[in-house]
Amino acid sequence: MSAFVEEAASVIPGNINLECKHFFSGAALYADDRICISLTPVGLAMKLPEDTRHNLLKVKGAIPLSYFPEGPIKKGYVLFPEGVTQPDEALHRFLQESIEYVLTLPKPKRKQN
């Protein structure tokens, strides 16, 4: 996942805080506290705008994100179960689009103790 942080840092403005958080079975990339990319046992997933998701789902190799068979679909994400097979330019475009998209969403509310 650190490679994604480096890739993402190369395509976004320097004032965006990127953070990689590891969890028991993978990792996630956050842009200003908003999750944008996750690497899980089922593959690489990116949070993308609806029209981009729709177009990617038409392409063989991209599917809706579900963490287990017959499980609920994680809305807003597209999964690349075989990894990203597009050239680097496409990967950069998806990374940038994912980060730019999540920055338009409200910041998650912090849990108060």
Protein backbone atom coordinates (compact mmCIF):
# COMPACT_ATOMS: atom_id res chain seq x y z
CA MET A 1 0.00 0.00 0.00
CA SER A 2 2.93 2.34 0.55
CA ALA A 3 3.49 2.30 -3.22
CA PHE A 4 -0.03 3.71 -3.60
CA VAL A 5 0.73 6.48 -1.13
CA GLU A 6 3.81 7.39 -3.17
CA GLU A 7 1.86 7.18 -6.45
CA ALA A 8 -0.97 9.25 -5.03
CA ALA A 9 1.40 11.86 -3.65
CA SER A 10 2.83 12.31 -7.14
CA VAL A 11 -0.56 13.20 -8.67
CA ILE A 12 -2.22 15.40 -6.04
CA PRO A 13 -1.47 18.79 -4.49
CA GLY A 14 0.90 18.80 -1.52
CA ASN A 15 -1.68 20.27 0.86
CA ILE A 16 -3.72 17.03 0.95
CA ASN A 17 -2.95 14.80 3.93
CA LEU A 18 -2.50 11.21 2.74
CA GLU A 19 -2.42 8.47 5.32
CA CYS A 20 -2.16 4.71 5.00
CA LYS A 21 -3.86 2.74 7.75
CA HIS A 22 -3.31 -0.98 8.09
CA PHE A 23 -5.99 -3.30 9.37
CA PHE A 24 -6.10 -7.02 10.10
CA SER A 25 -6.39 -8.18 6.48
CA GLY A 26 -5.23 -5.24 4.38
CA ALA A 27 -4.76 -1.52 4.27
CA ALA A 28 -6.56 1.64 3.21
CA LEU A 29 -5.45 4.99 1.83
CA TYR A 30 -7.11 8.08 3.29
CA ALA A 31 -7.10 11.59 1.86
CA ASP A 32 -7.87 14.18 4.54
CA ASP A 33 -9.53 11.48 6.72
CA ARG A 34 -11.68 10.13 3.86
CA ILE A 35 -11.07 6.59 2.64
CA CYS A 36 -10.41 6.42 -1.09
CA ILE A 37 -8.56 3.18 -1.82
CA SER A 38 -8.41 -0.15 -0.03
CA LEU A 39 -6.33 -3.24 -0.54
CA THR A 40 -8.13 -6.30 0.83
CA PRO A 41 -7.99 -10.07 0.42
CA VAL A 42 -10.56 -9.74 -2.40
CA GLY A 43 -8.43 -7.21 -4.32
CA LEU A 44 -7.81 -3.53 -4.86
CA ALA A 45 -10.86 -1.26 -4.50
CA MET A 46 -11.25 2.44 -5.26
CA LYS A 47 -14.00 4.83 -4.27
CA LEU A 48 -14.99 6.64 -7.47
CA PRO A 49 -17.79 8.82 -8.84
CA GLU A 50 -20.86 7.00 -10.14
CA ASP A 51 -20.21 7.57 -13.85
CA THR A 52 -16.62 6.31 -13.59
CA ARG A 53 -17.75 3.24 -11.61
CA HIS A 54 -20.44 2.55 -14.20
CA ASN A 55 -17.92 2.74 -17.06
CA LEU A 56 -15.39 0.53 -15.24
CA LEU A 57 -18.01 -2.08 -14.42
CA LYS A 58 -18.69 -2.43 -18.14
CA VAL A 59 -15.03 -3.37 -18.62
CA LYS A 60 -14.02 -6.98 -17.96
CA GLY A 61 -12.03 -7.22 -14.74
CA ALA A 62 -13.80 -4.55 -12.65
CA ILE A 63 -16.65 -5.66 -10.38
CA PRO A 64 -18.68 -4.20 -7.49
CA LEU A 65 -16.92 -4.53 -4.12
CA SER A 66 -18.20 -7.24 -1.82
CA TYR A 67 -16.00 -8.62 0.95
CA PHE A 68 -17.40 -12.14 0.75
CA PRO A 69 -19.60 -14.18 -1.64
CA GLU A 70 -23.25 -13.26 -1.41
CA GLY A 71 -22.27 -10.36 0.86
CA PRO A 72 -23.63 -6.85 0.52
CA ILE A 73 -22.19 -4.59 -2.16
CA LYS A 74 -20.03 -1.77 -0.76
CA LYS A 75 -21.58 1.21 -2.50
CA GLY A 76 -19.32 3.74 -4.11
CA TYR A 77 -16.46 1.32 -4.80
CA VAL A 78 -15.19 -0.63 -7.76
CA LEU A 79 -13.03 -3.69 -7.21
CA PHE A 80 -10.13 -4.82 -9.36
CA PRO A 81 -9.84 -8.45 -8.16
CA GLU A 82 -6.98 -9.18 -10.56
CA GLY A 83 -5.21 -5.92 -9.71
CA VAL A 84 -4.97 -2.89 -11.95
CA THR A 85 -3.96 -4.02 -15.41
CA GLN A 86 -4.19 -0.64 -17.14
CA PRO A 87 -1.05 1.33 -18.01
CA ASP A 88 0.40 3.65 -15.35
CA GLU A 89 -1.39 6.66 -16.86
CA ALA A 90 -4.76 4.99 -16.22
CA LEU A 91 -3.74 4.08 -12.67
CA HIS A 92 -2.68 7.68 -12.01
CA ARG A 93 -5.96 8.93 -13.43
CA PHE A 94 -7.99 6.57 -11.20
CA LEU A 95 -5.90 7.45 -8.13
CA GLN A 96 -6.32 11.15 -8.76
CA GLU A 97 -10.01 10.82 -9.51
CA SER A 98 -10.59 8.78 -6.36
CA ILE A 99 -8.79 11.31 -4.17
CA GLU A 100 -10.49 14.30 -5.80
CA TYR A 101 -13.87 12.58 -5.46
CA VAL A 102 -13.58 11.74 -1.77
CA LEU A 103 -12.46 15.30 -1.03
CA THR A 104 -15.91 16.45 -2.22
CA LEU A 105 -17.58 14.23 0.39
CA PRO A 106 -18.18 15.31 3.98
CA LYS A 107 -15.49 14.41 6.46
CA PRO A 108 -16.48 11.47 8.65
CA LYS A 109 -17.71 12.36 12.09
CA ARG A 110 -15.30 11.48 14.86
CA LYS A 111 -16.60 9.17 17.54
CA GLN A 112 -16.82 10.93 20.86
CA ASN A 113 -15.96 9.04 24.01
